[in-house]
PDB file of N, CA and C in Angstrom:
ATOM      1  N   MET A   1       5.572   6.722 -59.089  1.00  0.00           N
ATOM      2  CA  MET A   1       4.579   6.660 -58.046  1.00  0.00           C
ATOM      3  C   MET A   1       5.186   5.983 -56.812  1.00  0.00           C
ATOM      4  N   ALA A   2       4.871   6.528 -55.640  1.00  0.00           N
ATOM      5  CA  ALA A   2       5.419   6.001 -54.393  1.00  0.00           C
ATOM      6  C   ALA A   2       4.777   4.669 -54.041  1.00  0.00           C
ATOM      7  N   GLU A   3       5.592   3.814 -53.443  1.00  0.00           N
ATOM      8  CA  GLU A   3       5.097   2.499 -53.046  1.00  0.00           C
ATOM      9  C   GLU A   3       4.340   2.629 -51.722  1.00  0.00           C
ATOM     10  N   ALA A   4       3.220   1.955 -51.577  1.00  0.00           N
ATOM     11  CA  ALA A   4       2.420   2.005 -50.348  1.00  0.00           C
ATOM     12  C   ALA A   4       3.148   1.279 -49.225  1.00  0.00           C
ATOM     13  N   THR A   5       3.075   1.844 -48.026  1.00  0.00           N
ATOM     14  CA  THR A   5       3.689   1.250 -46.848  1.00  0.00           C
ATOM     15  C   THR A   5       2.596   0.910 -45.844  1.00  0.00           C
ATOM     16  N   THR A   6       2.701  -0.239 -45.254  1.00  0.00           N
ATOM     17  CA  THR A   6       1.746  -0.641 -44.223  1.00  0.00           C
ATOM     18  C   THR A   6       2.360  -0.371 -42.857  1.00  0.00           C
ATOM     19  N   VAL A   7       1.590   0.281 -42.008  1.00  0.00           N
ATOM     20  CA  VAL A   7       2.029   0.559 -40.642  1.00  0.00           C
ATOM     21  C   VAL A   7       1.112  -0.205 -39.697  1.00  0.00           C
ATOM     22  N   GLU A   8       1.702  -1.022 -38.846  1.00  0.00           N
ATOM     23  CA  GLU A   8       0.922  -1.773 -37.867  1.00  0.00           C
ATOM     24  C   GLU A   8       0.980  -1.018 -36.545  1.00  0.00           C
ATOM     25  N   ILE A   9      -0.174  -0.746 -35.966  1.00  0.00           N
ATOM     26  CA  ILE A   9      -0.247   0.003 -34.710  1.00  0.00           C
ATOM     27  C   ILE A   9      -0.637  -0.958 -33.597  1.00  0.00           C
ATOM     28  N   TRP A  10       0.125  -0.918 -32.534  1.00  0.00           N
ATOM     29  CA  TRP A  10      -0.145  -1.750 -31.359  1.00  0.00           C
ATOM     30  C   TRP A  10      -0.711  -0.861 -30.264  1.00  0.00           C
ATOM     31  N   ASP A  11      -1.761  -1.318 -29.619  1.00  0.00           N
ATOM     32  CA  ASP A  11      -2.377  -0.580 -28.516  1.00  0.00           C
ATOM     33  C   ASP A  11      -1.910  -1.221 -27.212  1.00  0.00           C
ATOM     34  N   PRO A  12      -1.058  -0.536 -26.446  1.00  0.00           N
ATOM     35  CA  PRO A  12      -0.493  -1.140 -25.232  1.00  0.00           C
ATOM     36  C   PRO A  12      -1.416  -1.082 -24.016  1.00  0.00           C
ATOM     37  N   THR A  13      -2.607  -0.524 -24.174  1.00  0.00           N
ATOM     38  CA  THR A  13      -3.498  -0.410 -23.022  1.00  0.00           C
ATOM     39  C   THR A  13      -4.170  -1.744 -22.742  1.00  0.00           C
ATOM     40  N   LEU A  14      -4.604  -1.889 -21.528  1.00  0.00           N
ATOM     41  CA  LEU A  14      -5.226  -3.126 -21.074  1.00  0.00           C
ATOM     42  C   LEU A  14      -6.710  -2.891 -20.862  1.00  0.00           C
ATOM     43  N   ASN A  15      -7.514  -3.798 -21.323  1.00  0.00           N
ATOM     44  CA  ASN A  15      -8.946  -3.717 -21.046  1.00  0.00           C
ATOM     45  C   ASN A  15      -9.181  -4.224 -19.632  1.00  0.00           C
ATOM     46  N   ILE A  16      -9.812  -3.413 -18.831  1.00  0.00           N
ATOM     47  CA  ILE A  16     -10.084  -3.789 -17.443  1.00  0.00           C
ATOM     48  C   ILE A  16     -11.466  -4.419 -17.384  1.00  0.00           C
ATOM     49  N   SER A  17     -11.511  -5.668 -16.974  1.00  0.00           N
ATOM     50  CA  SER A  17     -12.790  -6.367 -16.929  1.00  0.00           C
ATOM     51  C   SER A  17     -13.458  -6.259 -15.561  1.00  0.00           C
ATOM     52  N   ASP A  18     -12.678  -6.265 -14.504  1.00  0.00           N
ATOM     53  CA  ASP A  18     -13.238  -6.183 -13.157  1.00  0.00           C
ATOM     54  C   ASP A  18     -12.736  -4.920 -12.475  1.00  0.00           C
ATOM     55  N   VAL A  19     -13.657  -4.079 -12.064  1.00  0.00           N
ATOM     56  CA  VAL A  19     -13.295  -2.876 -11.327  1.00  0.00           C
ATOM     57  C   VAL A  19     -13.443  -3.193  -9.849  1.00  0.00           C
ATOM     58  N   ILE A  20     -12.395  -2.935  -9.092  1.00  0.00           N
ATOM     59  CA  ILE A  20     -12.410  -3.214  -7.658  1.00  0.00           C
ATOM     60  C   ILE A  20     -12.525  -1.892  -6.920  1.00  0.00           C
ATOM     61  N   SER A  21     -13.537  -1.782  -6.101  1.00  0.00           N
ATOM     62  CA  SER A  21     -13.726  -0.565  -5.312  1.00  0.00           C
ATOM     63  C   SER A  21     -12.835  -0.613  -4.082  1.00  0.00           C
ATOM     64  N   PRO A  22     -12.369   0.551  -3.615  1.00  0.00           N
ATOM     65  CA  PRO A  22     -11.577   0.557  -2.388  1.00  0.00           C
ATOM     66  C   PRO A  22     -12.431   0.105  -1.202  1.00  0.00           C
ATOM     67  N   ALA A  23     -11.766  -0.425  -0.204  1.00  0.00           N
ATOM     68  CA  ALA A  23     -12.469  -0.843   1.007  1.00  0.00           C
ATOM     69  C   ALA A  23     -13.080   0.381   1.682  1.00  0.00           C
ATOM     70  N   PRO A  24     -14.225   0.220   2.322  1.00  0.00           N
ATOM     71  CA  PRO A  24     -14.827   1.364   3.010  1.00  0.00           C
ATOM     72  C   PRO A  24     -13.951   1.805   4.187  1.00  0.00           C
ATOM     73  N   ARG A  25     -13.915   3.101   4.419  1.00  0.00           N
ATOM     74  CA  ARG A  25     -13.141   3.626   5.543  1.00  0.00           C
ATOM     75  C   ARG A  25     -13.908   3.416   6.839  1.00  0.00           C
ATOM     76  N   PRO A  26     -13.215   3.052   7.906  1.00  0.00           N
ATOM     77  CA  PRO A  26     -13.913   2.926   9.191  1.00  0.00           C
ATOM     78  C   PRO A  26     -14.307   4.314   9.699  1.00  0.00           C
ATOM     79  N   SER A  27     -15.386   4.375  10.450  1.00  0.00           N
ATOM     80  CA  SER A  27     -15.831   5.664  10.985  1.00  0.00           C
ATOM     81  C   SER A  27     -14.897   6.157  12.085  1.00  0.00           C
ATOM     82  N   SER A  28     -14.179   5.240  12.716  1.00  0.00           N
ATOM     83  CA  SER A  28     -13.232   5.592  13.775  1.00  0.00           C
ATOM     84  C   SER A  28     -12.122   4.542  13.805  1.00  0.00           C
ATOM     85  N   LEU A  29     -10.988   4.910  14.356  1.00  0.00           N
ATOM     86  CA  LEU A  29      -9.893   3.950  14.536  1.00  0.00           C
ATOM     87  C   LEU A  29      -9.845   3.403  15.964  1.00  0.00           C
ATOM     88  N   ASP A  30     -10.776   3.832  16.810  1.00  0.00           N
ATOM     89  CA  ASP A  30     -10.831   3.318  18.180  1.00  0.00           C
ATOM     90  C   ASP A  30     -11.020   1.809  18.159  1.00  0.00           C
ATOM     91  N   GLY A  31     -10.168   1.099  18.900  1.00  0.00           N
ATOM     92  CA  GLY A  31     -10.255  -0.347  18.996  1.00  0.00           C
ATOM     93  C   GLY A  31      -9.758  -1.096  17.767  1.00  0.00           C
ATOM     94  N   LYS A  32      -9.188  -0.393  16.818  1.00  0.00           N
ATOM     95  CA  LYS A  32      -8.731  -1.017  15.572  1.00  0.00           C
ATOM     96  C   LYS A  32      -7.248  -1.375  15.635  1.00  0.00           C
ATOM     97  N   VAL A  33      -6.863  -2.350  14.823  1.00  0.00           N
ATOM     98  CA  VAL A  33      -5.455  -2.710  14.666  1.00  0.00           C
ATOM     99  C   VAL A  33      -4.934  -1.952  13.450  1.00  0.00           C
ATOM    100  N   LEU A  34      -3.895  -1.159  13.669  1.00  0.00           N
ATOM    101  CA  LEU A  34      -3.293  -0.350  12.615  1.00  0.00           C
ATOM    102  C   LEU A  34      -2.057  -1.060  12.087  1.00  0.00           C
ATOM    103  N   GLY A  35      -2.012  -1.285  10.793  1.00  0.00           N
ATOM    104  CA  GLY A  35      -0.846  -1.877  10.153  1.00  0.00           C
ATOM    105  C   GLY A  35      -0.042  -0.818   9.433  1.00  0.00           C
ATOM    106  N   LEU A  36       1.268  -0.913   9.518  1.00  0.00           N
ATOM    107  CA  LEU A  36       2.170   0.018   8.851  1.00  0.00           C
ATOM    108  C   LEU A  36       3.146  -0.783   8.007  1.00  0.00           C
ATOM    109  N   LEU A  37       3.266  -0.420   6.742  1.00  0.00           N
ATOM    110  CA  LEU A  37       4.171  -1.126   5.836  1.00  0.00           C
ATOM    111  C   LEU A  37       5.239  -0.162   5.345  1.00  0.00           C
ATOM    112  N   ASP A  38       6.456  -0.402   5.770  1.00  0.00           N
ATOM    113  CA  ASP A  38       7.627   0.403   5.416  1.00  0.00           C
ATOM    114  C   ASP A  38       8.192  -0.142   4.109  1.00  0.00           C
ATOM    115  N   ASN A  39       8.382   0.739   3.119  1.00  0.00           N
ATOM    116  CA  ASN A  39       8.881   0.272   1.825  1.00  0.00           C
ATOM    117  C   ASN A  39      10.410   0.233   1.748  1.00  0.00           C
ATOM    118  N   THR A  40      11.092   0.493   2.824  1.00  0.00           N
ATOM    119  CA  THR A  40      12.556   0.444   3.003  1.00  0.00           C
ATOM    120  C   THR A  40      13.298   1.654   2.454  1.00  0.00           C
ATOM    121  N   LYS A  41      12.599   2.640   1.935  1.00  0.00           N
ATOM    122  CA  LYS A  41      13.311   3.851   1.515  1.00  0.00           C
ATOM    123  C   LYS A  41      13.691   4.646   2.756  1.00  0.00           C
ATOM    124  N   GLU A  42      14.697   5.491   2.593  1.00  0.00           N
ATOM    125  CA  GLU A  42      15.233   6.251   3.711  1.00  0.00           C
ATOM    126  C   GLU A  42      14.139   7.030   4.445  1.00  0.00           C
ATOM    127  N   LYS A  43      14.098   6.862   5.738  1.00  0.00           N
ATOM    128  CA  LYS A  43      13.213   7.566   6.670  1.00  0.00           C
ATOM    129  C   LYS A  43      11.748   7.153   6.602  1.00  0.00           C
ATOM    130  N   ALA A  44      11.396   6.168   5.798  1.00  0.00           N
ATOM    131  CA  ALA A  44      10.002   5.710   5.757  1.00  0.00           C
ATOM    132  C   ALA A  44       9.590   5.150   7.116  1.00  0.00           C
ATOM    133  N   GLY A  45      10.456   4.357   7.735  1.00  0.00           N
ATOM    134  CA  GLY A  45      10.154   3.785   9.046  1.00  0.00           C
ATOM    135  C   GLY A  45      10.007   4.844  10.118  1.00  0.00           C
ATOM    136  N   ILE A  46      10.864   5.864  10.063  1.00  0.00           N
ATOM    137  CA  ILE A  46      10.782   6.970  11.027  1.00  0.00           C
ATOM    138  C   ILE A  46       9.451   7.691  10.862  1.00  0.00           C
ATOM    139  N   PHE A  47       9.080   7.960   9.608  1.00  0.00           N
ATOM    140  CA  PHE A  47       7.812   8.632   9.335  1.00  0.00           C
ATOM    141  C   PHE A  47       6.637   7.807   9.845  1.00  0.00           C
ATOM    142  N   LEU A  48       6.632   6.505   9.546  1.00  0.00           N
ATOM    143  CA  LEU A  48       5.519   5.657   9.962  1.00  0.00           C
ATOM    144  C   LEU A  48       5.421   5.552  11.477  1.00  0.00           C
ATOM    145  N   SER A  49       6.551   5.465  12.155  1.00  0.00           N
ATOM    146  CA  SER A  49       6.531   5.409  13.621  1.00  0.00           C
ATOM    147  C   SER A  49       5.956   6.691  14.208  1.00  0.00           C
ATOM    148  N   ALA A  50       6.372   7.835  13.662  1.00  0.00           N
ATOM    149  CA  ALA A  50       5.848   9.124  14.133  1.00  0.00           C
ATOM    150  C   ALA A  50       4.353   9.232  13.833  1.00  0.00           C
ATOM    151  N   LEU A  51       3.948   8.752  12.665  1.00  0.00           N
ATOM    152  CA  LEU A  51       2.534   8.780  12.301  1.00  0.00           C
ATOM    153  C   LEU A  51       1.716   7.907  13.251  1.00  0.00           C
ATOM    154  N   ALA A  52       2.214   6.722  13.564  1.00  0.00           N
ATOM    155  CA  ALA A  52       1.516   5.831  14.493  1.00  0.00           C
ATOM    156  C   ALA A  52       1.373   6.482  15.860  1.00  0.00           C
ATOM    157  N   GLU A  53       2.411   7.179  16.294  1.00  0.00           N
ATOM    158  CA  GLU A  53       2.348   7.874  17.582  1.00  0.00           C
ATOM    159  C   GLU A  53       1.261   8.948  17.559  1.00  0.00           C
ATOM    160  N   ARG A  54       1.209   9.722  16.488  1.00  0.00           N
ATOM    161  CA  ARG A  54       0.195  10.783  16.367  1.00  0.00           C
ATOM    162  C   ARG A  54      -1.217  10.191  16.302  1.00  0.00           C
ATOM    163  N   ILE A  55      -1.372   9.125  15.539  1.00  0.00           N
ATOM    164  CA  ILE A  55      -2.690   8.485  15.448  1.00  0.00           C
ATOM    165  C   ILE A  55      -3.083   7.925  16.805  1.00  0.00           C
ATOM    166  N   GLY A  56      -2.106   7.335  17.526  1.00  0.00           N
ATOM    167  CA  GLY A  56      -2.363   6.791  18.852  1.00  0.00           C
ATOM    168  C   GLY A  56      -2.761   7.842  19.875  1.00  0.00           C
ATOM    169  N   GLU A  57      -2.333   9.085  19.670  1.00  0.00           N
ATOM    170  CA  GLU A  57      -2.746  10.181  20.559  1.00  0.00           C
ATOM    171  C   GLU A  57      -4.209  10.548  20.333  1.00  0.00           C
ATOM    172  N   ARG A  58      -4.682  10.312  19.142  1.00  0.00           N
ATOM    173  CA  ARG A  58      -6.045  10.712  18.780  1.00  0.00           C
ATOM    174  C   ARG A  58      -7.061   9.581  18.939  1.00  0.00           C
ATOM    175  N   TYR A  59      -6.607   8.342  18.749  1.00  0.00           N
ATOM    176  CA  TYR A  59      -7.507   7.192  18.807  1.00  0.00           C
ATOM    177  C   TYR A  59      -6.976   6.155  19.791  1.00  0.00           C
ATOM    178  N   ASP A  60      -7.888   5.354  20.319  1.00  0.00           N
ATOM    179  CA  ASP A  60      -7.531   4.276  21.235  1.00  0.00           C
ATOM    180  C   ASP A  60      -7.320   3.001  20.411  1.00  0.00           C
ATOM    181  N   LEU A  61      -6.137   2.901  19.801  1.00  0.00           N
ATOM    182  CA  LEU A  61      -5.831   1.753  18.949  1.00  0.00           C
ATOM    183  C   LEU A  61      -5.688   0.487  19.781  1.00  0.00           C
ATOM    184  N   ALA A  62      -6.146  -0.629  19.242  1.00  0.00           N
ATOM    185  CA  ALA A  62      -5.960  -1.911  19.915  1.00  0.00           C
ATOM    186  C   ALA A  62      -4.500  -2.332  19.837  1.00  0.00           C
ATOM    187  N   ARG A  63      -3.874  -2.018  18.692  1.00  0.00           N
ATOM    188  CA  ARG A  63      -2.501  -2.473  18.471  1.00  0.00           C
ATOM    189  C   ARG A  63      -1.955  -1.833  17.201  1.00  0.00           C
ATOM    190  N   VAL A  64      -0.645  -1.736  17.127  1.00  0.00           N
ATOM    191  CA  VAL A  64       0.026  -1.280  15.906  1.00  0.00           C
ATOM    192  C   VAL A  64       0.971  -2.391  15.462  1.00  0.00           C
ATOM    193  N   LEU A  65       0.854  -2.786  14.209  1.00  0.00           N
ATOM    194  CA  LEU A  65       1.702  -3.831  13.639  1.00  0.00           C
ATOM    195  C   LEU A  65       2.520  -3.201  12.517  1.00  0.00           C
ATOM    196  N   GLN A  66       3.838  -3.124  12.712  1.00  0.00           N
ATOM    197  CA  GLN A  66       4.697  -2.494  11.708  1.00  0.00           C
ATOM    198  C   GLN A  66       5.571  -3.558  11.048  1.00  0.00           C
ATOM    199  N   ARG A  67       5.567  -3.554   9.716  1.00  0.00           N
ATOM    200  CA  ARG A  67       6.371  -4.491   8.942  1.00  0.00           C
ATOM    201  C   ARG A  67       7.172  -3.727   7.898  1.00  0.00           C
ATOM    202  N   ARG A  68       8.256  -4.358   7.428  1.00  0.00           N
ATOM    203  CA  ARG A  68       9.166  -3.716   6.473  1.00  0.00           C
ATOM    204  C   ARG A  68       9.386  -4.644   5.284  1.00  0.00           C
ATOM    205  N   LYS A  69       9.227  -4.103   4.081  1.00  0.00           N
ATOM    206  CA  LYS A  69       9.493  -4.875   2.870  1.00  0.00           C
ATOM    207  C   LYS A  69      10.986  -5.179   2.779  1.00  0.00           C
ATOM    208  N   ALA A  70      11.331  -6.199   2.022  1.00  0.00           N
ATOM    209  CA  ALA A  70      12.740  -6.549   1.838  1.00  0.00           C
ATOM    210  C   ALA A  70      13.458  -5.521   0.973  1.00  0.00           C
ATOM    211  N   SER A  71      12.743  -4.924   0.027  1.00  0.00           N
ATOM    212  CA  SER A  71      13.346  -3.951  -0.886  1.00  0.00           C
ATOM    213  C   SER A  71      12.255  -3.044  -1.434  1.00  0.00           C
ATOM    214  N   TYR A  72      12.588  -1.781  -1.618  1.00  0.00           N
ATOM    215  CA  TYR A  72      11.593  -0.846  -2.157  1.00  0.00           C
ATOM    216  C   TYR A  72      11.210  -1.173  -3.594  1.00  0.00           C
ATOM    217  N   SER A  73      12.073  -1.889  -4.301  1.00  0.00           N
ATOM    218  CA  SER A  73      11.807  -2.183  -5.711  1.00  0.00           C
ATOM    219  C   SER A  73      11.011  -3.473  -5.919  1.00  0.00           C
ATOM    220  N   ARG A  74      10.663  -4.143  -4.841  1.00  0.00           N
ATOM    221  CA  ARG A  74       9.918  -5.402  -4.928  1.00  0.00           C
ATOM    222  C   ARG A  74       8.607  -5.268  -4.163  1.00  0.00           C
ATOM    223  N   THR A  75       7.658  -6.089  -4.518  1.00  0.00           N
ATOM    224  CA  THR A  75       6.419  -6.108  -3.749  1.00  0.00           C
ATOM    225  C   THR A  75       6.697  -6.735  -2.386  1.00  0.00           C
ATOM    226  N   ALA A  76       5.829  -6.456  -1.452  1.00  0.00           N
ATOM    227  CA  ALA A  76       5.960  -7.077  -0.136  1.00  0.00           C
ATOM    228  C   ALA A  76       5.746  -8.581  -0.284  1.00  0.00           C
ATOM    229  N   SER A  77       6.377  -9.343   0.577  1.00  0.00           N
ATOM    230  CA  SER A  77       6.247 -10.803   0.505  1.00  0.00           C
ATOM    231  C   SER A  77       4.803 -11.218   0.787  1.00  0.00           C
ATOM    232  N   ASP A  78       4.447 -12.388   0.297  1.00  0.00           N
ATOM    233  CA  ASP A  78       3.108 -12.917   0.553  1.00  0.00           C
ATOM    234  C   ASP A  78       2.858 -13.064   2.048  1.00  0.00           C
ATOM    235  N   ASP A  79       3.889 -13.452   2.810  1.00  0.00           N
ATOM    236  CA  ASP A  79       3.738 -13.605   4.261  1.00  0.00           C
ATOM    237  C   ASP A  79       3.358 -12.282   4.912  1.00  0.00           C
ATOM    238  N   ILE A  80       4.048 -11.206   4.528  1.00  0.00           N
ATOM    239  CA  ILE A  80       3.754  -9.889   5.101  1.00  0.00           C
ATOM    240  C   ILE A  80       2.356  -9.439   4.698  1.00  0.00           C
ATOM    241  N   LEU A  81       2.019  -9.572   3.427  1.00  0.00           N
ATOM    242  CA  LEU A  81       0.701  -9.140   2.958  1.00  0.00           C
ATOM    243  C   LEU A  81      -0.416  -9.935   3.622  1.00  0.00           C
ATOM    244  N   THR A  82      -0.213 -11.231   3.782  1.00  0.00           N
ATOM    245  CA  THR A  82      -1.221 -12.065   4.438  1.00  0.00           C
ATOM    246  C   THR A  82      -1.380 -11.671   5.898  1.00  0.00           C
ATOM    247  N   GLU A  83      -0.261 -11.464   6.588  1.00  0.00           N
ATOM    248  CA  GLU A  83      -0.335 -11.070   7.996  1.00  0.00           C
ATOM    249  C   GLU A  83      -1.062  -9.741   8.155  1.00  0.00           C
ATOM    250  N   LEU A  84      -0.714  -8.756   7.337  1.00  0.00           N
ATOM    251  CA  LEU A  84      -1.374  -7.453   7.427  1.00  0.00           C
ATOM    252  C   LEU A  84      -2.859  -7.571   7.101  1.00  0.00           C
ATOM    253  N   SER A  85      -3.179  -8.327   6.073  1.00  0.00           N
ATOM    254  CA  SER A  85      -4.574  -8.493   5.659  1.00  0.00           C
ATOM    255  C   SER A  85      -5.405  -9.216   6.715  1.00  0.00           C
ATOM    256  N   ASP A  86      -4.831 -10.256   7.311  1.00  0.00           N
ATOM    257  CA  ASP A  86      -5.557 -11.057   8.297  1.00  0.00           C
ATOM    258  C   ASP A  86      -5.653 -10.387   9.662  1.00  0.00           C
ATOM    259  N   THR A  87      -4.691  -9.535   9.997  1.00  0.00           N
ATOM    260  CA  THR A  87      -4.581  -8.989  11.346  1.00  0.00           C
ATOM    261  C   THR A  87      -5.105  -7.567  11.485  1.00  0.00           C
ATOM    262  N   CYS A  88      -4.941  -6.764  10.453  1.00  0.00           N
ATOM    263  CA  CYS A  88      -5.172  -5.321  10.583  1.00  0.00           C
ATOM    264  C   CYS A  88      -6.521  -4.881  10.034  1.00  0.00           C
ATOM    265  N   ASP A  89      -7.061  -3.853  10.687  1.00  0.00           N
ATOM    266  CA  ASP A  89      -8.291  -3.228  10.198  1.00  0.00           C
ATOM    267  C   ASP A  89      -7.977  -2.158   9.162  1.00  0.00           C
ATOM    268  N   VAL A  90      -6.826  -1.514   9.321  1.00  0.00           N
ATOM    269  CA  VAL A  90      -6.380  -0.431   8.441  1.00  0.00           C
ATOM    270  C   VAL A  90      -4.884  -0.599   8.233  1.00  0.00           C
ATOM    271  N   VAL A  91      -4.408  -0.390   6.998  1.00  0.00           N
ATOM    272  CA  VAL A  91      -2.973  -0.458   6.713  1.00  0.00           C
ATOM    273  C   VAL A  91      -2.558   0.813   5.988  1.00  0.00           C
ATOM    274  N   ILE A  92      -1.444   1.390   6.441  1.00  0.00           N
ATOM    275  CA  ILE A  92      -0.856   2.566   5.804  1.00  0.00           C
ATOM    276  C   ILE A  92       0.529   2.172   5.329  1.00  0.00           C
ATOM    277  N   THR A  93       0.860   2.536   4.108  1.00  0.00           N
ATOM    278  CA  THR A  93       2.207   2.316   3.599  1.00  0.00           C
ATOM    279  C   THR A  93       2.821   3.666   3.281  1.00  0.00           C
ATOM    280  N   ALA A  94       4.142   3.747   3.356  1.00  0.00           N
ATOM    281  CA  ALA A  94       4.803   5.032   3.121  1.00  0.00           C
ATOM    282  C   ALA A  94       6.071   4.841   2.323  1.00  0.00           C
ATOM    283  N   MET A  95       6.386   5.875   1.578  1.00  0.00           N
ATOM    284  CA  MET A  95       7.637   5.937   0.833  1.00  0.00           C
ATOM    285  C   MET A  95       8.532   6.952   1.512  1.00  0.00           C
ATOM    286  N   GLY A  96       9.785   6.618   1.655  1.00  0.00           N
ATOM    287  CA  GLY A  96      10.732   7.534   2.278  1.00  0.00           C
ATOM    288  C   GLY A  96      11.277   8.543   1.290  1.00  0.00           C
ATOM    289  N   ALA A  97      12.197   9.333   1.787  1.00  0.00           N
ATOM    290  CA  ALA A  97      12.786  10.398   0.970  1.00  0.00           C
ATOM    291  C   ALA A  97      13.752   9.839  -0.043  1.00  0.00           C
TER     292      ALA A  97
END
């Protein structure tokens, strides 16, 4: 008779206790401060600059604030995230090619 084997199963999923809804979208970007976060991948900054120019043609932005992460493989620094959060009405981040 075969010997019984015990198999222990681990569930790697996380129970989410707090669901965070996305911030509401503004009805217009007129008079808003637009933040741009470059993730440092190739051409991300070029793309974001071109995007800001196109958005600026369509809306009367108060200001554009562009920042660049130290590395694409790391999160943005607390200083950058705080500045964008405190200063900007809308933030767009982009990945390069």
